[in-house]
Amino acid sequence: MAISSGVFPVFQNTFKIGKSGATSSESDMVTIAELETFSISIDGNNEEWTPMEAEGWVNRMNTGKGFSISMSGKRCIGDEGNDYIAQVAWKTGQGCCSKFEWGFPDGAKLVFDCLINVSNVGGGDSTNVGGLEFEVLSRGKPEYTPAAGA
């Protein structure tokens, strides 16, 4: 159920990966089981200039963007999304490209082409549950769909 106002628990975000890589269609999008944390980093390309008429004050414009989502959880053998991410750890080139979908608690959605960079596939202390850690890096312009009624 989408929320229309107020605060929300982080677990209301949803994430899907295209299990057929860069050629994934909507029917190939699957959730990734056992995710625990995520953080997003948005990088802006900012240009600065100081025109004479600004009397020494700087002007700025954002001329480009990119973003990455760092995710971590547990390795869950048998889950389609978790298995797909784990297998990408051993690929290079186009084999690391896929499609990603982020569903926001208010019902908005962000869909984009991505590069998957896996940094941990089962590691941890001997008494830990095996970890799964990866980054989802944007490739090109994402498609943002606002929440209904927004």
C-alpha atoms as a PDB file:
ATOM      1  CA  MET A   1       0.000   0.000   0.000  1.00  0.00           C
ATOM      2  CA  ALA A   2       1.464   3.342  -1.065  1.00  0.00           C
ATOM      3  CA  ILE A   3       1.757   6.087   1.523  1.00  0.00           C
ATOM      4  CA  SER A   4       0.606   9.608   0.698  1.00  0.00           C
ATOM      5  CA  SER A   5       2.151  11.556   3.602  1.00  0.00           C
ATOM      6  CA  GLY A   6       4.339  11.212   6.656  1.00  0.00           C
ATOM      7  CA  VAL A   7       7.381   9.149   7.481  1.00  0.00           C
ATOM      8  CA  PHE A   8       7.838   5.514   6.458  1.00  0.00           C
ATOM      9  CA  PRO A   9       9.971   2.490   7.304  1.00  0.00           C
ATOM     10  CA  VAL A  10      12.815   1.825   4.858  1.00  0.00           C
ATOM     11  CA  PHE A  11      11.546  -1.720   4.179  1.00  0.00           C
ATOM     12  CA  GLN A  12       8.696  -0.207   2.121  1.00  0.00           C
ATOM     13  CA  ASN A  13      11.163   0.401  -0.732  1.00  0.00           C
ATOM     14  CA  THR A  14      11.179  -2.405  -3.304  1.00  0.00           C
ATOM     15  CA  PHE A  15      13.937  -3.439  -5.701  1.00  0.00           C
ATOM     16  CA  LYS A  16      13.879  -5.633  -8.799  1.00  0.00           C
ATOM     17  CA  ILE A  17      16.665  -6.824 -11.110  1.00  0.00           C
ATOM     18  CA  GLY A  18      16.336  -8.055 -14.701  1.00  0.00           C
ATOM     19  CA  LYS A  19      17.318 -11.745 -14.529  1.00  0.00           C
ATOM     20  CA  SER A  20      18.021 -11.787 -18.290  1.00  0.00           C
ATOM     21  CA  GLY A  21      20.597  -8.998 -18.114  1.00  0.00           C
ATOM     22  CA  ALA A  22      20.482  -5.945 -20.379  1.00  0.00           C
ATOM     23  CA  THR A  23      17.828  -7.516 -22.614  1.00  0.00           C
ATOM     24  CA  SER A  24      15.410  -8.090 -19.711  1.00  0.00           C
ATOM     25  CA  SER A  25      11.744  -7.327 -20.273  1.00  0.00           C
ATOM     26  CA  GLU A  26       9.156  -6.536 -17.602  1.00  0.00           C
ATOM     27  CA  SER A  27       8.437 -10.257 -17.176  1.00  0.00           C
ATOM     28  CA  ASP A  28      12.138 -10.849 -16.343  1.00  0.00           C
ATOM     29  CA  MET A  29      12.119  -8.431 -13.384  1.00  0.00           C
ATOM     30  CA  VAL A  30      12.474 -10.257 -10.051  1.00  0.00           C
ATOM     31  CA  THR A  31      12.978  -9.151  -6.458  1.00  0.00           C
ATOM     32  CA  ILE A  32      16.257  -9.793  -4.644  1.00  0.00           C
ATOM     33  CA  ALA A  33      15.671 -11.742  -1.429  1.00  0.00           C
ATOM     34  CA  GLU A  34      17.365 -11.029   1.899  1.00  0.00           C
ATOM     35  CA  LEU A  35      18.445  -7.410   1.284  1.00  0.00           C
ATOM     36  CA  GLU A  36      19.092  -5.559   4.541  1.00  0.00           C
ATOM     37  CA  THR A  37      20.478  -2.123   3.710  1.00  0.00           C
ATOM     38  CA  PHE A  38      20.810   0.289   0.831  1.00  0.00           C
ATOM     39  CA  SER A  39      22.163   3.769   0.323  1.00  0.00           C
ATOM     40  CA  ILE A  40      22.054   5.995  -2.729  1.00  0.00           C
ATOM     41  CA  SER A  41      24.685   8.406  -3.950  1.00  0.00           C
ATOM     42  CA  ILE A  42      23.692  10.957  -6.611  1.00  0.00           C
ATOM     43  CA  ASP A  43      26.562  12.566  -8.481  1.00  0.00           C
ATOM     44  CA  GLY A  44      25.961  15.877 -10.215  1.00  0.00           C
ATOM     45  CA  ASN A  45      28.203  17.388 -12.889  1.00  0.00           C
ATOM     46  CA  ASN A  46      28.276  21.041 -11.928  1.00  0.00           C
ATOM     47  CA  GLU A  47      29.784  23.803 -14.011  1.00  0.00           C
ATOM     48  CA  GLU A  48      30.743  27.141 -12.480  1.00  0.00           C
ATOM     49  CA  TRP A  49      31.443  30.506 -14.086  1.00  0.00           C
ATOM     50  CA  THR A  50      31.856  34.085 -12.921  1.00  0.00           C
ATOM     51  CA  PRO A  51      30.461  36.655 -15.347  1.00  0.00           C
ATOM     52  CA  MET A  52      31.499  40.281 -15.017  1.00  0.00           C
ATOM     53  CA  GLU A  53      27.964  41.474 -14.262  1.00  0.00           C
ATOM     54  CA  ALA A  54      27.813  39.164 -11.197  1.00  0.00           C
ATOM     55  CA  GLU A  55      30.480  41.342  -9.538  1.00  0.00           C
ATOM     56  CA  GLY A  56      32.578  38.371  -8.424  1.00  0.00           C
ATOM     57  CA  TRP A  57      29.703  36.069  -7.445  1.00  0.00           C
ATOM     58  CA  VAL A  58      29.707  32.564  -8.919  1.00  0.00           C
ATOM     59  CA  ASN A  59      26.973  31.209 -11.180  1.00  0.00           C
ATOM     60  CA  ARG A  60      26.361  27.460 -11.321  1.00  0.00           C
ATOM     61  CA  MET A  61      24.475  24.955 -13.431  1.00  0.00           C
ATOM     62  CA  ASN A  62      23.992  21.222 -13.038  1.00  0.00           C
ATOM     63  CA  THR A  63      24.836  19.794 -16.467  1.00  0.00           C
ATOM     64  CA  GLY A  64      24.624  16.049 -15.852  1.00  0.00           C
ATOM     65  CA  LYS A  65      23.850  13.330 -13.317  1.00  0.00           C
ATOM     66  CA  GLY A  66      24.636   9.770 -12.405  1.00  0.00           C
ATOM     67  CA  PHE A  67      23.870   7.672  -9.353  1.00  0.00           C
ATOM     68  CA  SER A  68      24.732   4.456  -7.609  1.00  0.00           C
ATOM     69  CA  ILE A  69      22.896   2.362  -5.041  1.00  0.00           C
ATOM     70  CA  SER A  70      24.987   0.353  -2.574  1.00  0.00           C
ATOM     71  CA  MET A  71      23.129  -2.728  -1.337  1.00  0.00           C
ATOM     72  CA  SER A  72      23.919  -5.412   1.194  1.00  0.00           C
ATOM     73  CA  GLY A  73      22.172  -8.452   2.563  1.00  0.00           C
ATOM     74  CA  LYS A  74      22.552 -12.186   2.839  1.00  0.00           C
ATOM     75  CA  ARG A  75      23.377 -14.709   0.112  1.00  0.00           C
ATOM     76  CA  CYS A  76      20.185 -16.727  -0.502  1.00  0.00           C
ATOM     77  CA  ILE A  77      20.778 -19.684  -2.811  1.00  0.00           C
ATOM     78  CA  GLY A  78      17.676 -20.524  -4.826  1.00  0.00           C
ATOM     79  CA  ASP A  79      16.207 -17.008  -5.018  1.00  0.00           C
ATOM     80  CA  GLU A  80      16.206 -15.856  -8.672  1.00  0.00           C
ATOM     81  CA  GLY A  81      17.261 -12.273  -7.940  1.00  0.00           C
ATOM     82  CA  ASN A  82      19.877 -13.177  -5.341  1.00  0.00           C
ATOM     83  CA  ASP A  83      21.302 -15.938  -7.580  1.00  0.00           C
ATOM     84  CA  TYR A  84      21.464 -13.558 -10.557  1.00  0.00           C
ATOM     85  CA  ILE A  85      23.433 -10.938  -8.594  1.00  0.00           C
ATOM     86  CA  ALA A  86      25.814 -13.595  -7.225  1.00  0.00           C
ATOM     87  CA  GLN A  87      26.519 -14.931 -10.742  1.00  0.00           C
ATOM     88  CA  VAL A  88      27.387 -11.434 -12.011  1.00  0.00           C
ATOM     89  CA  ALA A  89      30.387 -11.472  -9.640  1.00  0.00           C
ATOM     90  CA  TRP A  90      32.214 -13.718 -12.128  1.00  0.00           C
ATOM     91  CA  LYS A  91      31.327 -11.790 -15.308  1.00  0.00           C
ATOM     92  CA  THR A  92      32.848  -8.827 -17.118  1.00  0.00           C
ATOM     93  CA  GLY A  93      31.797  -6.433 -19.868  1.00  0.00           C
ATOM     94  CA  GLN A  94      28.176  -6.626 -21.015  1.00  0.00           C
ATOM     95  CA  GLY A  95      27.662  -9.587 -18.681  1.00  0.00           C
ATOM     96  CA  CYS A  96      27.504  -7.087 -15.793  1.00  0.00           C
ATOM     97  CA  CYS A  97      24.745  -4.986 -17.393  1.00  0.00           C
ATOM     98  CA  SER A  98      21.073  -5.339 -16.551  1.00  0.00           C
ATOM     99  CA  LYS A  99      17.869  -3.434 -15.843  1.00  0.00           C
ATOM    100  CA  PHE A 100      16.805  -2.267 -12.378  1.00  0.00           C
ATOM    101  CA  GLU A 101      13.571  -1.034 -10.823  1.00  0.00           C
ATOM    102  CA  TRP A 102      13.191   0.883  -7.577  1.00  0.00           C
ATOM    103  CA  GLY A 103       9.673   1.190  -6.173  1.00  0.00           C
ATOM    104  CA  PHE A 104       9.256   4.030  -3.677  1.00  0.00           C
ATOM    105  CA  PRO A 105       6.908   3.886  -0.662  1.00  0.00           C
ATOM    106  CA  ASP A 106       4.636   6.566  -2.190  1.00  0.00           C
ATOM    107  CA  GLY A 107       4.074   4.480  -5.336  1.00  0.00           C
ATOM    108  CA  ALA A 108       6.601   6.281  -7.574  1.00  0.00           C
ATOM    109  CA  LYS A 109       8.999   4.145  -9.606  1.00  0.00           C
ATOM    110  CA  LEU A 110      12.498   4.558 -11.070  1.00  0.00           C
ATOM    111  CA  VAL A 111      13.468   2.189 -13.913  1.00  0.00           C
ATOM    112  CA  PHE A 112      16.923   2.258 -15.507  1.00  0.00           C
ATOM    113  CA  ASP A 113      19.689   0.393 -17.277  1.00  0.00           C
ATOM    114  CA  CYS A 114      22.477  -0.457 -14.879  1.00  0.00           C
ATOM    115  CA  LEU A 115      25.887  -1.944 -14.276  1.00  0.00           C
ATOM    116  CA  ILE A 116      26.134  -4.415 -11.371  1.00  0.00           C
ATOM    117  CA  ASN A 117      29.397  -4.445  -9.396  1.00  0.00           C
ATOM    118  CA  VAL A 118      29.456  -7.310  -6.869  1.00  0.00           C
ATOM    119  CA  SER A 119      31.938  -6.927  -3.985  1.00  0.00           C
ATOM    120  CA  ASN A 120      30.976  -9.827  -1.667  1.00  0.00           C
ATOM    121  CA  VAL A 121      29.331 -13.120  -2.551  1.00  0.00           C
ATOM    122  CA  GLY A 122      29.088 -15.251   0.583  1.00  0.00           C
ATOM    123  CA  GLY A 123      31.885 -13.857   2.744  1.00  0.00           C
ATOM    124  CA  GLY A 124      31.931 -13.055   6.455  1.00  0.00           C
ATOM    125  CA  ASP A 125      33.066 -14.453   9.798  1.00  0.00           C
ATOM    126  CA  SER A 126      32.775 -18.211  10.272  1.00  0.00           C
ATOM    127  CA  THR A 127      29.700 -17.726  12.475  1.00  0.00           C
ATOM    128  CA  ASN A 128      27.970 -15.237  10.129  1.00  0.00           C
ATOM    129  CA  VAL A 129      25.351 -15.932   7.498  1.00  0.00           C
ATOM    130  CA  GLY A 130      27.065 -15.485   4.087  1.00  0.00           C
ATOM    131  CA  GLY A 131      26.820 -11.922   2.805  1.00  0.00           C
ATOM    132  CA  LEU A 132      25.879 -10.434  -0.558  1.00  0.00           C
ATOM    133  CA  GLU A 133      27.089  -6.907  -1.285  1.00  0.00           C
ATOM    134  CA  PHE A 134      26.895  -5.017  -4.559  1.00  0.00           C
ATOM    135  CA  GLU A 135      26.494  -1.666  -6.246  1.00  0.00           C
ATOM    136  CA  VAL A 136      23.916  -0.801  -8.871  1.00  0.00           C
ATOM    137  CA  LEU A 137      25.343   1.976 -11.087  1.00  0.00           C
ATOM    138  CA  SER A 138      23.109   3.941 -13.454  1.00  0.00           C
ATOM    139  CA  ARG A 139      23.740   3.689 -17.213  1.00  0.00           C
ATOM    140  CA  GLY A 140      22.060   6.524 -19.076  1.00  0.00           C
ATOM    141  CA  LYS A 141      18.915   8.442 -18.235  1.00  0.00           C
ATOM    142  CA  PRO A 142      16.467   6.691 -15.894  1.00  0.00           C
ATOM    143  CA  GLU A 143      12.694   6.713 -16.350  1.00  0.00           C
ATOM    144  CA  TYR A 144      10.969   8.197 -13.295  1.00  0.00           C
ATOM    145  CA  THR A 145       7.218   7.654 -12.908  1.00  0.00           C
ATOM    146  CA  PRO A 146       5.651   9.792 -10.169  1.00  0.00           C
ATOM    147  CA  ALA A 147       3.168   8.294  -7.736  1.00  0.00           C
ATOM    148  CA  ALA A 148      -0.454   8.303  -8.926  1.00  0.00           C
ATOM    149  CA  GLY A 149      -2.088  11.579  -8.039  1.00  0.00           C
ATOM    150  CA  ALA A 150       1.233  13.363  -7.508  1.00  0.00           C
END
